[in-house]
Amino acid sequence: MTLQNFVLHERDNSRFVGFDELYLNFQTSSLFRRTYTFAQFRLTVPYGCVKILHDKTFNFQDLLPSAKENEQSRQGSSVPLLIQRLVIDRGQATFEDFSRKTPYKAQIDDVSVSLLNFTTQPNREGLYELEATAGEGQALKYRGSISMSPLYSKGRLELSGIRLRNLWSYLQDQLLFEIKDGQLDVSGNYEFDATGEKPNFLVHQGKITVRSLTVAQKEDKEEVLMVPHFTVTGADIDYGKKQIKIEDIQSNSSKVNGIRDEKGGMNLLTMFQPKPAEGQGKEQPNEPQKSDPWRISIGKFEIAIMQFISRILAHSLRQTLMYHQLI
């Protein structure tokens, strides 16, 4: 079966979902094997737009089934699904959030997905490959296997060229600082296992690289932190044991511009605290629940060169001190 040039519009006539072509090859014989089987599922140039509206509901909220319908669906018998080959070619997605004080919009282009033997059958795994770009050299690559029943996944994820200012743009109303520039690379092997009593998540040989990071004060736009290059390598995370092991942390030529006020407070300490939510007032926060602490071990920590500039504000007098230190 082939369906071409499908478009579904929203009430304001903007595009909601659509695609150039949908091709389905359904194996009718699977009706008698109690597993609905597609030899191929191919979607060409699909498009989707997800919006969070001013009232914090989604633009597709009216399409979701009610709680009663969900309960009836769960009570009904379910037939396993098997897609031997699933391909998504040149997908596009738009995300908009109008519920925030500062509206946010992001665009993802050139999404390519290749899945082999995707299934909801018990104790069966499928092989997944996914690639996506978001402009400005930002890219995502994933390769791994996933079992839906029981839920288990293992693979490798790579994010490269992620623009930190784009992430800051979405969170800016909750932050007291501004990220003016910076790129982020993240890669690592992972394993998610929900087959036991408690789900567990593992990361093996994770790596984080931050390049050309520049952080400024939000009010006067003065730059307070400049990090040309920062890397974390050999990161292993065990969520179940609450352990983090890092082989190496390195940074070079970092610059810090600190301002101490009349009361002895440092701008760097207040800037990176979370901004109180509107209407929170001075209510006492709820006492945090007690839990076992995380254990973190770092094999090597090295800062090659750091320049620290400290300014003391006292009435109308401003004193500037500069330190150069090799660590």
C-alpha atoms as a PDB file:
ATOM      1  CA  MET A   1       0.000   0.000   0.000  1.00  0.00           C
ATOM      2  CA  THR A   2       1.295   3.473  -0.892  1.00  0.00           C
ATOM      3  CA  LEU A   3      -0.072   6.814   0.294  1.00  0.00           C
ATOM      4  CA  GLN A   4       1.394  10.066  -1.041  1.00  0.00           C
ATOM      5  CA  ASN A   5       1.296  13.790  -0.186  1.00  0.00           C
ATOM      6  CA  PHE A   6      -0.597  13.516   3.091  1.00  0.00           C
ATOM      7  CA  VAL A   7      -1.010  16.689   5.175  1.00  0.00           C
ATOM      8  CA  LEU A   8      -3.016  17.284   8.347  1.00  0.00           C
ATOM      9  CA  HIS A   9      -3.506  20.924   9.365  1.00  0.00           C
ATOM     10  CA  GLU A  10      -4.226  22.490  12.721  1.00  0.00           C
ATOM     11  CA  ARG A  11      -7.169  24.784  13.380  1.00  0.00           C
ATOM     12  CA  ASP A  12      -5.090  27.834  12.443  1.00  0.00           C
ATOM     13  CA  ASN A  13      -4.280  26.119   9.108  1.00  0.00           C
ATOM     14  CA  SER A  14      -0.620  25.545  10.019  1.00  0.00           C
ATOM     15  CA  ARG A  15       0.901  22.140   9.262  1.00  0.00           C
ATOM     16  CA  PHE A  16       0.584  19.591  12.046  1.00  0.00           C
ATOM     17  CA  VAL A  17       1.789  16.329  10.480  1.00  0.00           C
ATOM     18  CA  GLY A  18       2.417  15.121   6.974  1.00  0.00           C
ATOM     19  CA  PHE A  19       4.638  13.120   4.658  1.00  0.00           C
ATOM     20  CA  ASP A  20       5.549  12.812   0.997  1.00  0.00           C
ATOM     21  CA  GLU A  21       5.073   9.064   0.868  1.00  0.00           C
ATOM     22  CA  LEU A  22       4.095   6.165   3.123  1.00  0.00           C
ATOM     23  CA  TYR A  23       4.756   2.636   1.901  1.00  0.00           C
ATOM     24  CA  LEU A  24       3.465  -0.413   3.805  1.00  0.00           C
ATOM     25  CA  ASN A  25       4.055  -4.060   2.951  1.00  0.00           C
ATOM     26  CA  PHE A  26       1.775  -6.002   5.287  1.00  0.00           C
ATOM     27  CA  GLN A  27       1.987  -9.790   5.411  1.00  0.00           C
ATOM     28  CA  THR A  28      -1.648 -10.918   5.405  1.00  0.00           C
ATOM     29  CA  SER A  29      -0.590 -14.410   6.424  1.00  0.00           C
ATOM     30  CA  SER A  30       0.466 -12.958   9.779  1.00  0.00           C
ATOM     31  CA  LEU A  31      -3.211 -12.595  10.682  1.00  0.00           C
ATOM     32  CA  PHE A  32      -3.211 -16.331  11.306  1.00  0.00           C
ATOM     33  CA  ARG A  33       0.096 -16.332  13.211  1.00  0.00           C
ATOM     34  CA  ARG A  34      -1.138 -13.941  15.901  1.00  0.00           C
ATOM     35  CA  THR A  35       1.651 -11.452  15.131  1.00  0.00           C
ATOM     36  CA  TYR A  36       0.874  -8.544  12.833  1.00  0.00           C
ATOM     37  CA  THR A  37       3.880  -8.461  10.507  1.00  0.00           C
ATOM     38  CA  PHE A  38       5.081  -5.738   8.142  1.00  0.00           C
ATOM     39  CA  ALA A  39       7.881  -6.732   5.783  1.00  0.00           C
ATOM     40  CA  GLN A  40       8.572  -3.032   5.236  1.00  0.00           C
ATOM     41  CA  PHE A  41       7.393   0.289   6.635  1.00  0.00           C
ATOM     42  CA  ARG A  42       8.895   3.279   4.808  1.00  0.00           C
ATOM     43  CA  LEU A  43       8.117   6.938   5.480  1.00  0.00           C
ATOM     44  CA  THR A  44       9.605   9.585   3.177  1.00  0.00           C
ATOM     45  CA  VAL A  45      10.021  13.249   4.233  1.00  0.00           C
ATOM     46  CA  PRO A  46       7.689  13.066   7.240  1.00  0.00           C
ATOM     47  CA  TYR A  47       6.944  16.256   9.164  1.00  0.00           C
ATOM     48  CA  GLY A  48       5.591  16.823  12.651  1.00  0.00           C
ATOM     49  CA  CYS A  49       4.986  19.907  14.787  1.00  0.00           C
ATOM     50  CA  VAL A  50       4.641  19.642  18.561  1.00  0.00           C
ATOM     51  CA  LYS A  51       3.456  22.719  20.441  1.00  0.00           C
ATOM     52  CA  ILE A  52       2.993  23.409  24.129  1.00  0.00           C
ATOM     53  CA  LEU A  53       0.248  26.018  24.288  1.00  0.00           C
ATOM     54  CA  HIS A  54      -0.146  28.905  26.733  1.00  0.00           C
ATOM     55  CA  ASP A  55      -2.266  26.729  29.064  1.00  0.00           C
ATOM     56  CA  LYS A  56       0.510  24.069  29.075  1.00  0.00           C
ATOM     57  CA  THR A  57      -1.499  21.603  26.990  1.00  0.00           C
ATOM     58  CA  PHE A  58      -0.247  20.067  23.758  1.00  0.00           C
ATOM     59  CA  ASN A  59      -1.582  20.959  20.342  1.00  0.00           C
ATOM     60  CA  PHE A  60      -2.663  17.326  19.909  1.00  0.00           C
ATOM     61  CA  GLN A  61      -4.393  17.085  23.301  1.00  0.00           C
ATOM     62  CA  ASP A  62      -7.845  16.681  21.739  1.00  0.00           C
ATOM     63  CA  LEU A  63      -6.605  13.678  19.747  1.00  0.00           C
ATOM     64  CA  LEU A  64      -5.572  11.691  22.826  1.00  0.00           C
ATOM     65  CA  PRO A  65      -7.945   8.993  24.135  1.00  0.00           C
ATOM     66  CA  SER A  66      -9.694   9.535  27.441  1.00  0.00           C
ATOM     67  CA  ALA A  67      -8.688   7.675  30.601  1.00  0.00           C
ATOM     68  CA  LYS A  68     -11.714   5.403  30.197  1.00  0.00           C
ATOM     69  CA  GLU A  69     -10.745   4.540  26.638  1.00  0.00           C
ATOM     70  CA  ASN A  70      -7.184   3.810  27.763  1.00  0.00           C
ATOM     71  CA  GLU A  71      -8.451   1.432  30.433  1.00  0.00           C
ATOM     72  CA  GLN A  72     -10.671  -0.380  27.949  1.00  0.00           C
ATOM     73  CA  SER A  73      -7.747  -0.685  25.545  1.00  0.00           C
ATOM     74  CA  ARG A  74      -5.517  -2.214  28.231  1.00  0.00           C
ATOM     75  CA  GLN A  75      -8.208  -4.724  29.162  1.00  0.00           C
ATOM     76  CA  GLY A  76      -8.575  -5.854  25.561  1.00  0.00           C
ATOM     77  CA  SER A  77      -6.360  -8.535  24.049  1.00  0.00           C
ATOM     78  CA  SER A  78      -3.236  -7.253  22.316  1.00  0.00           C
ATOM     79  CA  VAL A  79      -1.563  -8.852  19.301  1.00  0.00           C
ATOM     80  CA  PRO A  80       2.243  -8.503  19.027  1.00  0.00           C
ATOM     81  CA  LEU A  81       3.642  -6.333  16.238  1.00  0.00           C
ATOM     82  CA  LEU A  82       6.662  -7.093  14.046  1.00  0.00           C
ATOM     83  CA  ILE A  83       8.192  -4.662  11.528  1.00  0.00           C
ATOM     84  CA  GLN A  84      11.008  -6.420   9.717  1.00  0.00           C
ATOM     85  CA  ARG A  85      12.370  -3.203   8.205  1.00  0.00           C
ATOM     86  CA  LEU A  86      11.352   0.332   9.180  1.00  0.00           C
ATOM     87  CA  VAL A  87      12.862   3.300   7.349  1.00  0.00           C
ATOM     88  CA  ILE A  88      12.292   7.020   7.936  1.00  0.00           C
ATOM     89  CA  ASP A  89      13.967   9.182   5.303  1.00  0.00           C
ATOM     90  CA  ARG A  90      14.666  12.936   5.632  1.00  0.00           C
ATOM     91  CA  GLY A  91      12.289  13.534   8.508  1.00  0.00           C
ATOM     92  CA  GLN A  92      11.604  16.998   9.903  1.00  0.00           C
ATOM     93  CA  ALA A  93      10.281  18.081  13.292  1.00  0.00           C
ATOM     94  CA  THR A  94       9.398  21.400  14.906  1.00  0.00           C
ATOM     95  CA  PHE A  95       8.985  22.033  18.628  1.00  0.00           C
ATOM     96  CA  GLU A  96       7.406  25.217  20.007  1.00  0.00           C
ATOM     97  CA  ASP A  97       6.689  26.115  23.627  1.00  0.00           C
ATOM     98  CA  PHE A  98       4.360  29.059  24.222  1.00  0.00           C
ATOM     99  CA  SER A  99       3.859  28.276  27.919  1.00  0.00           C
ATOM    100  CA  ARG A 100       7.185  29.857  28.847  1.00  0.00           C
ATOM    101  CA  LYS A 101       7.679  33.537  29.608  1.00  0.00           C
ATOM    102  CA  THR A 102      10.003  33.668  26.601  1.00  0.00           C
ATOM    103  CA  PRO A 103       8.512  31.510  23.797  1.00  0.00           C
ATOM    104  CA  TYR A 104      10.844  28.880  22.374  1.00  0.00           C
ATOM    105  CA  LYS A 105      11.131  27.231  18.951  1.00  0.00           C
ATOM    106  CA  ALA A 106      13.478  24.521  17.684  1.00  0.00           C
ATOM    107  CA  GLN A 107      13.779  22.799  14.312  1.00  0.00           C
ATOM    108  CA  ILE A 108      15.245  19.352  13.603  1.00  0.00           C
ATOM    109  CA  ASP A 109      15.988  18.389  10.001  1.00  0.00           C
ATOM    110  CA  ASP A 110      17.276  15.410   8.056  1.00  0.00           C
ATOM    111  CA  VAL A 111      16.154  12.713  10.487  1.00  0.00           C
ATOM    112  CA  SER A 112      17.033   9.254   9.189  1.00  0.00           C
ATOM    113  CA  VAL A 113      15.933   6.127  11.051  1.00  0.00           C
ATOM    114  CA  SER A 114      16.589   2.498  10.191  1.00  0.00           C
ATOM    115  CA  LEU A 115      15.125  -0.278  12.337  1.00  0.00           C
ATOM    116  CA  LEU A 116      15.467  -4.007  11.779  1.00  0.00           C
ATOM    117  CA  ASN A 117      12.989  -6.432  13.352  1.00  0.00           C
ATOM    118  CA  PHE A 118      11.209  -3.924  15.557  1.00  0.00           C
ATOM    119  CA  THR A 119       8.792  -5.974  17.633  1.00  0.00           C
ATOM    120  CA  THR A 120       6.611  -5.979  20.723  1.00  0.00           C
ATOM    121  CA  GLN A 121       6.959  -9.751  21.011  1.00  0.00           C
ATOM    122  CA  PRO A 122       8.280 -10.944  24.392  1.00  0.00           C
ATOM    123  CA  ASN A 123      12.018 -11.654  24.667  1.00  0.00           C
ATOM    124  CA  ARG A 124      12.839 -10.375  21.193  1.00  0.00           C
ATOM    125  CA  GLU A 125      15.292  -7.594  20.327  1.00  0.00           C
ATOM    126  CA  GLY A 126      15.483  -5.332  17.307  1.00  0.00           C
ATOM    127  CA  LEU A 127      18.480  -3.493  15.852  1.00  0.00           C
ATOM    128  CA  TYR A 128      18.141   0.283  15.623  1.00  0.00           C
ATOM    129  CA  GLU A 129      20.067   2.991  13.797  1.00  0.00           C
ATOM    130  CA  LEU A 130      19.172   6.667  13.967  1.00  0.00           C
ATOM    131  CA  GLU A 131      20.789   9.817  12.582  1.00  0.00           C
ATOM    132  CA  ALA A 132      19.508  13.384  12.841  1.00  0.00           C
ATOM    133  CA  THR A 133      20.811  16.913  12.292  1.00  0.00           C
ATOM    134  CA  ALA A 134      19.542  20.232  13.604  1.00  0.00           C
ATOM    135  CA  GLY A 135      21.525  22.784  11.610  1.00  0.00           C
ATOM    136  CA  GLU A 136      24.790  24.536  12.511  1.00  0.00           C
ATOM    137  CA  GLY A 137      26.584  21.185  12.485  1.00  0.00           C
ATOM    138  CA  GLN A 138      24.511  19.684  15.306  1.00  0.00           C
ATOM    139  CA  ALA A 139      24.068  15.938  14.921  1.00  0.00           C
ATOM    140  CA  LEU A 140      22.795  12.846  16.714  1.00  0.00           C
ATOM    141  CA  LYS A 141      23.813   9.261  16.005  1.00  0.00           C
ATOM    142  CA  TYR A 142      22.487   6.149  17.706  1.00  0.00           C
ATOM    143  CA  ARG A 143      23.013   2.450  17.187  1.00  0.00           C
ATOM    144  CA  GLY A 144      21.775  -0.282  19.477  1.00  0.00           C
ATOM    145  CA  SER A 145      19.221  -2.921  20.287  1.00  0.00           C
ATOM    146  CA  ILE A 146      15.909  -2.634  22.115  1.00  0.00           C
ATOM    147  CA  SER A 147      13.548  -5.218  23.572  1.00  0.00           C
ATOM    148  CA  MET A 148      10.054  -3.965  24.371  1.00  0.00           C
ATOM    149  CA  SER A 149       8.974  -6.917  26.540  1.00  0.00           C
ATOM    150  CA  PRO A 150      10.759  -7.069  28.900  1.00  0.00           C
ATOM    151  CA  LEU A 151      12.140  -3.553  28.486  1.00  0.00           C
ATOM    152  CA  TYR A 152      15.861  -3.701  27.789  1.00  0.00           C
ATOM    153  CA  SER A 153      18.183  -1.618  25.620  1.00  0.00           C
ATOM    154  CA  LYS A 154      21.887  -1.477  24.913  1.00  0.00           C
ATOM    155  CA  GLY A 155      23.818   0.653  22.447  1.00  0.00           C
ATOM    156  CA  ARG A 156      25.898   3.730  21.724  1.00  0.00           C
ATOM    157  CA  LEU A 157      24.765   7.357  21.548  1.00  0.00           C
ATOM    158  CA  GLU A 158      26.692  10.292  20.076  1.00  0.00           C
ATOM    159  CA  LEU A 159      25.715  13.969  20.180  1.00  0.00           C
ATOM    160  CA  SER A 160      28.038  16.402  18.427  1.00  0.00           C
ATOM    161  CA  GLY A 161      28.164  20.153  17.880  1.00  0.00           C
ATOM    162  CA  ILE A 162      25.242  20.856  20.230  1.00  0.00           C
ATOM    163  CA  ARG A 163      24.896  24.626  20.592  1.00  0.00           C
ATOM    164  CA  LEU A 164      24.754  25.414  24.295  1.00  0.00           C
ATOM    165  CA  ARG A 165      23.086  28.749  23.644  1.00  0.00           C
ATOM    166  CA  ASN A 166      20.135  26.896  22.114  1.00  0.00           C
ATOM    167  CA  LEU A 167      19.745  24.888  25.321  1.00  0.00           C
ATOM    168  CA  TRP A 168      20.088  28.072  27.375  1.00  0.00           C
ATOM    169  CA  SER A 169      17.411  29.754  25.255  1.00  0.00           C
ATOM    170  CA  TYR A 170      14.864  27.190  26.407  1.00  0.00           C
ATOM    171  CA  LEU A 171      15.829  27.494  30.094  1.00  0.00           C
ATOM    172  CA  GLN A 172      16.694  31.200  30.211  1.00  0.00           C
ATOM    173  CA  ASP A 173      13.706  32.201  32.348  1.00  0.00           C
ATOM    174  CA  GLN A 174      14.923  29.861  35.122  1.00  0.00           C
ATOM    175  CA  LEU A 175      18.584  30.926  34.977  1.00  0.00           C
ATOM    176  CA  LEU A 176      20.485  33.912  36.342  1.00  0.00           C
ATOM    177  CA  PHE A 177      23.255  33.755  33.738  1.00  0.00           C
ATOM    178  CA  GLU A 178      23.540  33.818  29.957  1.00  0.00           C
ATOM    179  CA  ILE A 179      25.431  31.405  27.730  1.00  0.00           C
ATOM    180  CA  LYS A 180      26.714  33.479  24.831  1.00  0.00           C
ATOM    181  CA  ASP A 181      28.590  30.735  23.018  1.00  0.00           C
ATOM    182  CA  GLY A 182      29.729  27.147  23.362  1.00  0.00           C
ATOM    183  CA  GLN A 183      29.470  23.717  21.781  1.00  0.00           C
ATOM    184  CA  LEU A 184      28.917  20.347  23.418  1.00  0.00           C
ATOM    185  CA  ASP A 185      29.856  16.820  22.339  1.00  0.00           C
ATOM    186  CA  VAL A 186      28.609  13.790  24.275  1.00  0.00           C
ATOM    187  CA  SER A 187      29.260  10.136  23.500  1.00  0.00           C
ATOM    188  CA  GLY A 188      29.169   6.826  25.304  1.00  0.00           C
ATOM    189  CA  ASN A 189      27.867   3.296  25.530  1.00  0.00           C
ATOM    190  CA  TYR A 190      24.792   2.659  27.651  1.00  0.00           C
ATOM    191  CA  GLU A 191      22.683  -0.179  28.997  1.00  0.00           C
ATOM    192  CA  PHE A 192      19.147   0.120  30.368  1.00  0.00           C
ATOM    193  CA  ASP A 193      17.756  -2.961  32.096  1.00  0.00           C
ATOM    194  CA  ALA A 194      14.204  -3.123  33.445  1.00  0.00           C
ATOM    195  CA  THR A 195      14.045  -6.918  33.635  1.00  0.00           C
ATOM    196  CA  GLY A 196      14.771  -7.061  37.375  1.00  0.00           C
ATOM    197  CA  GLU A 197      12.934  -5.759  40.410  1.00  0.00           C
ATOM    198  CA  LYS A 198      14.388  -2.268  39.937  1.00  0.00           C
ATOM    199  CA  PRO A 199      15.369  -0.672  36.614  1.00  0.00           C
ATOM    200  CA  ASN A 200      19.059   0.074  36.243  1.00  0.00           C
ATOM    201  CA  PHE A 201      20.968   2.401  33.929  1.00  0.00           C
ATOM    202  CA  LEU A 202      24.657   2.097  33.096  1.00  0.00           C
ATOM    203  CA  VAL A 203      27.019   4.309  31.097  1.00  0.00           C
ATOM    204  CA  HIS A 204      30.387   2.982  29.917  1.00  0.00           C
ATOM    205  CA  GLN A 205      33.320   5.052  28.640  1.00  0.00           C
ATOM    206  CA  GLY A 206      31.333   8.267  28.427  1.00  0.00           C
ATOM    207  CA  LYS A 207      32.992  11.372  27.058  1.00  0.00           C
ATOM    208  CA  ILE A 208      31.966  15.030  27.342  1.00  0.00           C
ATOM    209  CA  THR A 209      33.683  17.846  25.470  1.00  0.00           C
ATOM    210  CA  VAL A 210      32.836  21.541  25.823  1.00  0.00           C
ATOM    211  CA  ARG A 211      34.393  24.009  23.381  1.00  0.00           C
ATOM    212  CA  SER A 212      34.456  27.815  23.274  1.00  0.00           C
ATOM    213  CA  LEU A 213      32.175  28.256  26.277  1.00  0.00           C
ATOM    214  CA  THR A 214      31.410  31.864  27.205  1.00  0.00           C
ATOM    215  CA  VAL A 215      29.124  32.700  30.135  1.00  0.00           C
ATOM    216  CA  ALA A 216      27.982  36.239  30.969  1.00  0.00           C
ATOM    217  CA  GLN A 217      25.974  37.980  33.641  1.00  0.00           C
ATOM    218  CA  LYS A 218      22.386  38.218  32.557  1.00  0.00           C
ATOM    219  CA  GLU A 219      21.819  41.847  33.525  1.00  0.00           C
ATOM    220  CA  ASP A 220      24.876  43.705  32.233  1.00  0.00           C
ATOM    221  CA  LYS A 221      26.081  41.040  29.721  1.00  0.00           C
ATOM    222  CA  GLU A 222      29.577  41.136  31.229  1.00  0.00           C
ATOM    223  CA  GLU A 223      31.529  37.958  30.501  1.00  0.00           C
ATOM    224  CA  VAL A 224      32.461  36.097  33.681  1.00  0.00           C
ATOM    225  CA  LEU A 225      33.578  32.651  32.477  1.00  0.00           C
ATOM    226  CA  MET A 226      35.537  31.695  29.346  1.00  0.00           C
ATOM    227  CA  VAL A 227      36.496  28.063  28.772  1.00  0.00           C
ATOM    228  CA  PRO A 228      38.189  27.316  25.422  1.00  0.00           C
ATOM    229  CA  HIS A 229      38.277  23.554  25.951  1.00  0.00           C
ATOM    230  CA  PHE A 230      36.982  21.225  28.665  1.00  0.00           C
ATOM    231  CA  THR A 231      36.888  17.419  28.515  1.00  0.00           C
ATOM    232  CA  VAL A 232      35.651  14.576  30.683  1.00  0.00           C
ATOM    233  CA  THR A 233      36.815  11.143  29.502  1.00  0.00           C
ATOM    234  CA  GLY A 234      36.332   7.584  30.685  1.00  0.00           C
ATOM    235  CA  ALA A 235      33.100   8.228  32.582  1.00  0.00           C
ATOM    236  CA  ASP A 236      31.310   5.163  33.988  1.00  0.00           C
ATOM    237  CA  ILE A 237      27.939   5.619  35.689  1.00  0.00           C
ATOM    238  CA  ASP A 238      26.022   2.987  37.654  1.00  0.00           C
ATOM    239  CA  TYR A 239      22.635   4.375  38.657  1.00  0.00           C
ATOM    240  CA  GLY A 240      21.730   1.340  40.773  1.00  0.00           C
ATOM    241  CA  LYS A 241      24.900   1.554  42.875  1.00  0.00           C
ATOM    242  CA  LYS A 242      24.962   5.372  42.724  1.00  0.00           C
ATOM    243  CA  GLN A 243      28.542   5.390  41.523  1.00  0.00           C
ATOM    244  CA  ILE A 244      30.371   7.651  39.080  1.00  0.00           C
ATOM    245  CA  LYS A 245      33.935   6.914  38.030  1.00  0.00           C
ATOM    246  CA  ILE A 246      35.850   9.351  35.814  1.00  0.00           C
ATOM    247  CA  GLU A 247      39.286   8.671  34.398  1.00  0.00           C
ATOM    248  CA  ASP A 248      40.276  12.203  33.439  1.00  0.00           C
ATOM    249  CA  ILE A 249      39.047  15.819  33.604  1.00  0.00           C
ATOM    250  CA  GLN A 250      41.024  18.488  31.748  1.00  0.00           C
ATOM    251  CA  SER A 251      40.619  22.170  30.968  1.00  0.00           C
ATOM    252  CA  ASN A 252      43.039  24.716  29.522  1.00  0.00           C
ATOM    253  CA  SER A 253      43.324  28.511  29.393  1.00  0.00           C
ATOM    254  CA  SER A 254      40.136  29.109  31.359  1.00  0.00           C
ATOM    255  CA  LYS A 255      39.374  32.667  32.477  1.00  0.00           C
ATOM    256  CA  VAL A 256      37.181  33.658  35.415  1.00  0.00           C
ATOM    257  CA  ASN A 257      35.975  37.185  36.094  1.00  0.00           C
ATOM    258  CA  GLY A 258      34.692  37.405  39.667  1.00  0.00           C
ATOM    259  CA  ILE A 259      33.071  40.360  41.431  1.00  0.00           C
ATOM    260  CA  ARG A 260      32.826  40.538  45.224  1.00  0.00           C
ATOM    261  CA  ASP A 261      30.212  42.916  46.623  1.00  0.00           C
ATOM    262  CA  GLU A 262      30.301  44.990  49.830  1.00  0.00           C
ATOM    263  CA  LYS A 263      28.880  42.116  51.890  1.00  0.00           C
ATOM    264  CA  GLY A 264      31.512  39.691  50.684  1.00  0.00           C
ATOM    265  CA  GLY A 265      29.252  37.855  48.268  1.00  0.00           C
ATOM    266  CA  MET A 266      30.714  36.557  45.003  1.00  0.00           C
ATOM    267  CA  ASN A 267      28.754  36.908  41.768  1.00  0.00           C
ATOM    268  CA  LEU A 268      29.844  33.467  40.570  1.00  0.00           C
ATOM    269  CA  LEU A 269      28.156  31.824  43.553  1.00  0.00           C
ATOM    270  CA  THR A 270      24.829  33.583  43.125  1.00  0.00           C
ATOM    271  CA  MET A 271      24.730  33.398  39.325  1.00  0.00           C
ATOM    272  CA  PHE A 272      24.650  29.614  39.163  1.00  0.00           C
ATOM    273  CA  GLN A 273      21.969  29.142  41.787  1.00  0.00           C
ATOM    274  CA  PRO A 274      18.521  28.214  40.427  1.00  0.00           C
ATOM    275  CA  LYS A 275      16.181  31.158  40.017  1.00  0.00           C
ATOM    276  CA  PRO A 276      13.187  31.040  42.399  1.00  0.00           C
ATOM    277  CA  ALA A 277       9.935  30.257  40.636  1.00  0.00           C
ATOM    278  CA  GLU A 278       7.408  33.067  40.330  1.00  0.00           C
ATOM    279  CA  GLY A 279       5.038  33.160  43.289  1.00  0.00           C
ATOM    280  CA  GLN A 280       7.312  30.967  45.380  1.00  0.00           C
ATOM    281  CA  GLY A 281       7.936  33.760  47.883  1.00  0.00           C
ATOM    282  CA  LYS A 282       9.756  32.943  51.079  1.00  0.00           C
ATOM    283  CA  GLU A 283       7.959  29.717  51.852  1.00  0.00           C
ATOM    284  CA  GLN A 284      10.133  27.124  53.502  1.00  0.00           C
ATOM    285  CA  PRO A 285      11.016  24.340  51.096  1.00  0.00           C
ATOM    286  CA  ASN A 286       9.891  20.831  51.902  1.00  0.00           C
ATOM    287  CA  GLU A 287      12.459  18.764  53.741  1.00  0.00           C
ATOM    288  CA  PRO A 288      14.296  16.649  51.169  1.00  0.00           C
ATOM    289  CA  GLN A 289      13.829  12.903  51.364  1.00  0.00           C
ATOM    290  CA  LYS A 290      16.815  11.039  52.714  1.00  0.00           C
ATOM    291  CA  SER A 291      18.636   8.787  50.276  1.00  0.00           C
ATOM    292  CA  ASP A 292      22.018   7.137  49.930  1.00  0.00           C
ATOM    293  CA  PRO A 293      24.695   9.551  48.675  1.00  0.00           C
ATOM    294  CA  TRP A 294      26.383   9.188  45.312  1.00  0.00           C
ATOM    295  CA  ARG A 295      30.037   8.159  45.281  1.00  0.00           C
ATOM    296  CA  ILE A 296      32.251   9.939  42.759  1.00  0.00           C
ATOM    297  CA  SER A 297      35.880   9.120  42.015  1.00  0.00           C
ATOM    298  CA  ILE A 298      38.161  11.038  39.628  1.00  0.00           C
ATOM    299  CA  GLY A 299      41.445   9.528  38.498  1.00  0.00           C
ATOM    300  CA  LYS A 300      43.042  12.709  37.136  1.00  0.00           C
ATOM    301  CA  PHE A 301      42.023  16.362  37.356  1.00  0.00           C
ATOM    302  CA  GLU A 302      44.127  18.915  35.485  1.00  0.00           C
ATOM    303  CA  ILE A 303      43.688  22.611  34.728  1.00  0.00           C
ATOM    304  CA  ALA A 304      46.619  23.665  32.558  1.00  0.00           C
ATOM    305  CA  ILE A 305      46.293  27.460  32.836  1.00  0.00           C
ATOM    306  CA  MET A 306      43.715  29.529  34.666  1.00  0.00           C
ATOM    307  CA  GLN A 307      43.388  33.305  34.745  1.00  0.00           C
ATOM    308  CA  PHE A 308      41.342  34.694  37.614  1.00  0.00           C
ATOM    309  CA  ILE A 309      40.259  38.324  37.742  1.00  0.00           C
ATOM    310  CA  SER A 310      38.707  39.461  41.016  1.00  0.00           C
ATOM    311  CA  ARG A 311      37.076  42.848  41.446  1.00  0.00           C
ATOM    312  CA  ILE A 312      35.981  44.234  44.775  1.00  0.00           C
ATOM    313  CA  LEU A 313      33.132  46.734  44.788  1.00  0.00           C
ATOM    314  CA  ALA A 314      33.165  49.085  47.776  1.00  0.00           C
ATOM    315  CA  HIS A 315      30.879  52.099  47.449  1.00  0.00           C
ATOM    316  CA  SER A 316      32.274  54.007  44.465  1.00  0.00           C
ATOM    317  CA  LEU A 317      35.722  52.400  44.732  1.00  0.00           C
ATOM    318  CA  ARG A 318      36.481  49.487  42.430  1.00  0.00           C
ATOM    319  CA  GLN A 319      39.679  47.554  42.980  1.00  0.00           C
ATOM    320  CA  THR A 320      40.871  45.071  40.390  1.00  0.00           C
ATOM    321  CA  LEU A 321      43.140  42.153  41.166  1.00  0.00           C
ATOM    322  CA  MET A 322      44.447  39.741  38.580  1.00  0.00           C
ATOM    323  CA  TYR A 323      45.960  36.337  39.221  1.00  0.00           C
ATOM    324  CA  HIS A 324      47.770  34.047  36.802  1.00  0.00           C
ATOM    325  CA  GLN A 325      48.197  30.562  38.141  1.00  0.00           C
ATOM    326  CA  LEU A 326      49.568  27.398  36.621  1.00  0.00           C
ATOM    327  CA  ILE A 327      48.071  24.267  38.120  1.00  0.00           C
END
